[in-house]
Amino acid sequence: MDFGSPWEELKAQCILGGKAFIEKIAPIVKDKSAITEIPREQRYANRAALEEIFPAQKLKSKKERNSAIHWAYFENGYSMTEIARHIGLHYTTISKIINA
């Protein structure tokens, strides 16, 4: 009987477990988010997906959009390029919004 490789279920390069497990260890991982020696993908293993931050029904105003951009960048560790690609803006626009 072939169950496949458990490595296919690996999250953030080092976490093997379901959503409930990831949520349980999230506080421990979040405490380590400032340690730059740990790869960003591992530090933000439980971060919100860009689809959650920028819902399909567009944000109602630029203020809401800009707030979501700040949250994606500062709290969830997404790069300016990742955010820009997701919402269809140029990364320099994202940079200006973040630095405003």
N, C-alpha and C. Protein backbone atom coordinates (compact mmCIF):
# COMPACT_ATOMS: atom_id res chain seq x y z
N MET A 1 0.85 -1.18 0.00
CA MET A 1 0.00 0.00 0.00
C MET A 1 0.90 1.24 0.00
N ASP A 2 0.68 2.15 -0.95
CA ASP A 2 1.51 3.35 -1.07
C ASP A 2 0.77 4.55 -0.51
N PHE A 3 1.32 5.12 0.58
CA PHE A 3 0.72 6.29 1.20
C PHE A 3 1.35 7.59 0.72
N GLY A 4 2.36 7.50 -0.13
CA GLY A 4 3.05 8.69 -0.57
C GLY A 4 4.07 9.13 0.45
N SER A 5 4.81 10.12 0.10
CA SER A 5 5.87 10.62 0.97
C SER A 5 5.31 11.63 1.97
N PRO A 6 5.70 11.51 3.24
CA PRO A 6 5.24 12.51 4.22
C PRO A 6 5.85 13.89 3.93
N TRP A 7 6.94 13.94 3.19
CA TRP A 7 7.60 15.20 2.89
C TRP A 7 6.75 16.08 1.99
N GLU A 8 5.77 15.50 1.30
CA GLU A 8 4.87 16.30 0.46
C GLU A 8 3.98 17.20 1.31
N GLU A 9 3.80 16.85 2.57
CA GLU A 9 2.94 17.63 3.48
C GLU A 9 3.73 18.64 4.30
N LEU A 10 5.01 18.74 4.06
CA LEU A 10 5.88 19.64 4.81
C LEU A 10 5.46 21.09 4.61
N LYS A 11 5.36 21.85 5.68
CA LYS A 11 5.01 23.27 5.64
C LYS A 11 6.20 24.09 6.07
N ALA A 12 6.44 25.20 5.41
CA ALA A 12 7.50 26.14 5.78
C ALA A 12 8.86 25.47 5.92
N GLN A 13 9.11 24.51 5.10
CA GLN A 13 10.40 23.81 5.03
C GLN A 13 10.73 22.91 6.21
N CYS A 14 10.01 23.02 7.32
CA CYS A 14 10.43 22.23 8.49
C CYS A 14 9.29 21.76 9.39
N ILE A 15 8.05 22.07 9.07
CA ILE A 15 6.94 21.71 9.96
C ILE A 15 6.09 20.65 9.28
N LEU A 16 5.95 19.53 9.97
CA LEU A 16 5.16 18.43 9.45
C LEU A 16 3.96 18.26 10.38
N GLY A 17 2.80 18.68 9.91
CA GLY A 17 1.60 18.59 10.72
C GLY A 17 0.46 19.34 10.06
N GLY A 18 -0.73 19.12 10.57
CA GLY A 18 -1.91 19.75 10.02
C GLY A 18 -2.09 21.18 10.51
N LYS A 19 -3.19 21.79 10.06
CA LYS A 19 -3.47 23.18 10.41
C LYS A 19 -3.59 23.37 11.93
N ALA A 20 -4.22 22.43 12.61
CA ALA A 20 -4.39 22.54 14.06
C ALA A 20 -3.04 22.55 14.77
N PHE A 21 -2.12 21.70 14.30
CA PHE A 21 -0.79 21.66 14.89
C PHE A 21 -0.05 22.97 14.65
N ILE A 22 -0.13 23.47 13.44
CA ILE A 22 0.55 24.72 13.09
C ILE A 22 0.00 25.87 13.95
N GLU A 23 -1.32 25.91 14.14
CA GLU A 23 -1.91 26.94 14.99
C GLU A 23 -1.45 26.80 16.43
N LYS A 24 -1.25 25.57 16.89
CA LYS A 24 -0.82 25.33 18.26
C LYS A 24 0.61 25.83 18.49
N ILE A 25 1.48 25.65 17.50
CA ILE A 25 2.87 26.07 17.68
C ILE A 25 3.11 27.51 17.20
N ALA A 26 2.10 28.15 16.64
CA ALA A 26 2.25 29.51 16.12
C ALA A 26 2.84 30.49 17.13
N PRO A 27 2.39 30.50 18.39
CA PRO A 27 2.99 31.45 19.34
C PRO A 27 4.49 31.23 19.53
N ILE A 28 4.90 30.00 19.52
CA ILE A 28 6.33 29.70 19.68
C ILE A 28 7.11 30.20 18.48
N VAL A 29 6.58 29.94 17.29
CA VAL A 29 7.24 30.36 16.06
C VAL A 29 7.24 31.88 15.96
N LYS A 30 6.13 32.52 16.32
CA LYS A 30 6.04 33.98 16.22
C LYS A 30 7.07 34.66 17.11
N ASP A 31 7.32 34.10 18.28
CA ASP A 31 8.34 34.66 19.18
C ASP A 31 9.72 34.67 18.52
N LYS A 32 9.92 33.80 17.57
CA LYS A 32 11.21 33.70 16.90
C LYS A 32 11.26 34.51 15.60
N SER A 33 10.19 35.25 15.27
CA SER A 33 10.11 35.94 13.98
C SER A 33 11.16 37.02 13.79
N ALA A 34 11.76 37.49 14.87
CA ALA A 34 12.79 38.52 14.75
C ALA A 34 14.18 37.94 14.54
N ILE A 35 14.31 36.64 14.67
CA ILE A 35 15.62 36.00 14.51
C ILE A 35 15.88 35.80 13.01
N THR A 36 16.73 36.63 12.47
CA THR A 36 16.94 36.62 11.02
C THR A 36 17.70 35.40 10.53
N GLU A 37 18.36 34.66 11.42
CA GLU A 37 19.06 33.45 11.00
C GLU A 37 18.09 32.34 10.60
N ILE A 38 16.86 32.42 11.10
CA ILE A 38 15.83 31.46 10.73
C ILE A 38 15.21 31.96 9.42
N PRO A 39 15.16 31.13 8.39
CA PRO A 39 14.60 31.58 7.11
C PRO A 39 13.18 32.15 7.27
N ARG A 40 12.89 33.19 6.50
CA ARG A 40 11.61 33.89 6.59
C ARG A 40 10.44 32.94 6.45
N GLU A 41 10.53 31.99 5.54
CA GLU A 41 9.43 31.05 5.33
C GLU A 41 9.11 30.26 6.60
N GLN A 42 10.14 29.94 7.37
CA GLN A 42 9.93 29.22 8.62
C GLN A 42 9.42 30.15 9.72
N ARG A 43 9.91 31.39 9.76
CA ARG A 43 9.47 32.34 10.79
C ARG A 43 8.00 32.67 10.65
N TYR A 44 7.50 32.67 9.43
CA TYR A 44 6.11 33.05 9.18
C TYR A 44 5.29 31.86 8.72
N ALA A 45 5.50 30.70 9.33
CA ALA A 45 4.81 29.47 8.93
C ALA A 45 3.29 29.58 9.05
N ASN A 46 2.83 30.35 10.00
CA ASN A 46 1.39 30.44 10.24
C ASN A 46 0.80 31.77 9.76
N ARG A 47 1.48 32.43 8.85
CA ARG A 47 0.98 33.73 8.41
C ARG A 47 -0.28 33.58 7.57
N ALA A 48 -1.04 34.66 7.55
CA ALA A 48 -2.27 34.69 6.75
C ALA A 48 -1.91 34.64 5.27
N ALA A 49 -2.72 33.95 4.50
CA ALA A 49 -2.51 33.89 3.05
C ALA A 49 -2.87 35.25 2.44
N LEU A 50 -2.22 35.58 1.34
CA LEU A 50 -2.52 36.85 0.66
C LEU A 50 -3.99 36.92 0.27
N GLU A 51 -4.59 35.79 -0.05
CA GLU A 51 -6.02 35.76 -0.39
C GLU A 51 -6.89 36.16 0.80
N GLU A 52 -6.43 35.90 2.01
CA GLU A 52 -7.16 36.31 3.21
C GLU A 52 -6.96 37.80 3.48
N ILE A 53 -5.75 38.29 3.24
CA ILE A 53 -5.44 39.69 3.50
C ILE A 53 -6.11 40.59 2.47
N PHE A 54 -6.13 40.13 1.23
CA PHE A 54 -6.75 40.87 0.13
C PHE A 54 -7.88 40.02 -0.44
N PRO A 55 -9.06 40.07 0.17
CA PRO A 55 -10.17 39.22 -0.27
C PRO A 55 -10.58 39.50 -1.71
N ALA A 56 -11.21 38.49 -2.31
CA ALA A 56 -11.62 38.58 -3.72
C ALA A 56 -12.51 39.81 -3.96
N GLN A 57 -13.45 40.07 -3.03
CA GLN A 57 -14.22 41.29 -3.16
C GLN A 57 -13.28 42.42 -2.76
N LYS A 58 -12.99 43.27 -3.70
CA LYS A 58 -11.96 44.30 -3.51
C LYS A 58 -12.17 45.11 -2.24
N LEU A 59 -11.09 45.58 -1.69
CA LEU A 59 -11.17 46.45 -0.52
C LEU A 59 -11.86 47.75 -0.95
N LYS A 60 -12.64 48.32 -0.06
CA LYS A 60 -13.53 49.43 -0.41
C LYS A 60 -12.82 50.74 -0.71
N SER A 61 -11.66 50.95 -0.14
CA SER A 61 -10.99 52.24 -0.34
C SER A 61 -9.47 52.04 -0.37
N LYS A 62 -8.78 53.09 -0.80
CA LYS A 62 -7.32 53.04 -0.80
C LYS A 62 -6.80 52.92 0.63
N LYS A 63 -7.50 53.54 1.57
CA LYS A 63 -7.10 53.48 2.97
C LYS A 63 -7.13 52.03 3.46
N GLU A 64 -8.20 51.29 3.12
CA GLU A 64 -8.30 49.88 3.51
C GLU A 64 -7.23 49.06 2.81
N ARG A 65 -7.02 49.32 1.52
CA ARG A 65 -6.00 48.61 0.75
C ARG A 65 -4.63 48.85 1.36
N ASN A 66 -4.31 50.12 1.67
CA ASN A 66 -3.02 50.45 2.23
C ASN A 66 -2.82 49.82 3.61
N SER A 67 -3.88 49.76 4.38
CA SER A 67 -3.82 49.11 5.69
C SER A 67 -3.52 47.62 5.51
N ALA A 68 -4.16 47.00 4.55
CA ALA A 68 -3.91 45.58 4.26
C ALA A 68 -2.48 45.36 3.78
N ILE A 69 -1.96 46.30 2.99
CA ILE A 69 -0.57 46.21 2.52
C ILE A 69 0.38 46.26 3.71
N HIS A 70 0.14 47.19 4.64
CA HIS A 70 0.98 47.28 5.85
C HIS A 70 0.92 45.98 6.64
N TRP A 71 -0.26 45.43 6.81
CA TRP A 71 -0.43 44.20 7.57
C TRP A 71 0.30 43.04 6.90
N ALA A 72 0.17 42.95 5.57
CA ALA A 72 0.84 41.88 4.83
C ALA A 72 2.36 41.98 4.97
N TYR A 73 2.87 43.19 4.92
CA TYR A 73 4.31 43.40 4.94
C TYR A 73 4.90 43.28 6.35
N PHE A 74 4.34 44.04 7.29
CA PHE A 74 4.94 44.10 8.63
C PHE A 74 4.56 42.94 9.53
N GLU A 75 3.34 42.49 9.47
CA GLU A 75 2.89 41.44 10.39
C GLU A 75 3.00 40.03 9.81
N ASN A 76 2.95 39.91 8.49
CA ASN A 76 2.95 38.59 7.86
C ASN A 76 4.20 38.30 7.04
N GLY A 77 5.10 39.26 6.96
CA GLY A 77 6.40 39.02 6.35
C GLY A 77 6.43 38.84 4.85
N TYR A 78 5.40 39.28 4.15
CA TYR A 78 5.43 39.19 2.69
C TYR A 78 6.35 40.26 2.13
N SER A 79 7.03 39.95 1.05
CA SER A 79 7.89 40.94 0.41
C SER A 79 7.04 41.91 -0.40
N MET A 80 7.62 43.04 -0.71
CA MET A 80 6.91 44.03 -1.52
C MET A 80 6.56 43.44 -2.88
N THR A 81 7.45 42.65 -3.43
CA THR A 81 7.22 42.03 -4.73
C THR A 81 6.06 41.04 -4.67
N GLU A 82 6.00 40.22 -3.61
CA GLU A 82 4.89 39.27 -3.46
C GLU A 82 3.56 40.00 -3.37
N ILE A 83 3.51 41.06 -2.58
CA ILE A 83 2.28 41.84 -2.43
C ILE A 83 1.90 42.48 -3.76
N ALA A 84 2.87 43.09 -4.42
CA ALA A 84 2.62 43.76 -5.70
C ALA A 84 2.06 42.80 -6.73
N ARG A 85 2.66 41.64 -6.85
CA ARG A 85 2.17 40.65 -7.82
C ARG A 85 0.74 40.23 -7.50
N HIS A 86 0.46 40.06 -6.22
CA HIS A 86 -0.87 39.58 -5.84
C HIS A 86 -1.97 40.60 -6.12
N ILE A 87 -1.69 41.86 -5.87
CA ILE A 87 -2.76 42.86 -6.05
C ILE A 87 -2.65 43.64 -7.35
N GLY A 88 -1.63 43.34 -8.15
CA GLY A 88 -1.53 43.96 -9.46
C GLY A 88 -1.00 45.38 -9.47
N LEU A 89 -0.13 45.70 -8.52
CA LEU A 89 0.53 47.01 -8.50
C LEU A 89 2.02 46.80 -8.69
N HIS A 90 2.72 47.86 -9.03
CA HIS A 90 4.17 47.78 -9.17
C HIS A 90 4.79 47.79 -7.77
N TYR A 91 5.90 47.09 -7.60
CA TYR A 91 6.50 47.00 -6.27
C TYR A 91 6.97 48.37 -5.75
N THR A 92 7.29 49.31 -6.64
CA THR A 92 7.66 50.65 -6.15
C THR A 92 6.45 51.36 -5.54
N THR A 93 5.26 51.09 -6.05
CA THR A 93 4.05 51.65 -5.47
C THR A 93 3.86 51.09 -4.07
N ILE A 94 4.09 49.80 -3.91
CA ILE A 94 3.98 49.17 -2.59
C ILE A 94 5.01 49.80 -1.65
N SER A 95 6.21 50.02 -2.13
CA SER A 95 7.26 50.65 -1.32
C SER A 95 6.83 52.03 -0.84
N LYS A 96 6.25 52.82 -1.73
CA LYS A 96 5.80 54.17 -1.36
C LYS A 96 4.70 54.11 -0.30
N ILE A 97 3.78 53.13 -0.44
CA ILE A 97 2.70 52.99 0.52
C ILE A 97 3.26 52.59 1.88
N ILE A 98 4.20 51.67 1.89
CA ILE A 98 4.79 51.20 3.15
C ILE A 98 5.57 52.30 3.84
N ASN A 99 6.27 53.12 3.05
CA ASN A 99 7.10 54.16 3.63
C ASN A 99 6.35 55.46 3.92
N ALA A 100 5.09 55.54 3.52
CA ALA A 100 4.32 56.76 3.75
C ALA A 100 3.96 56.92 5.22
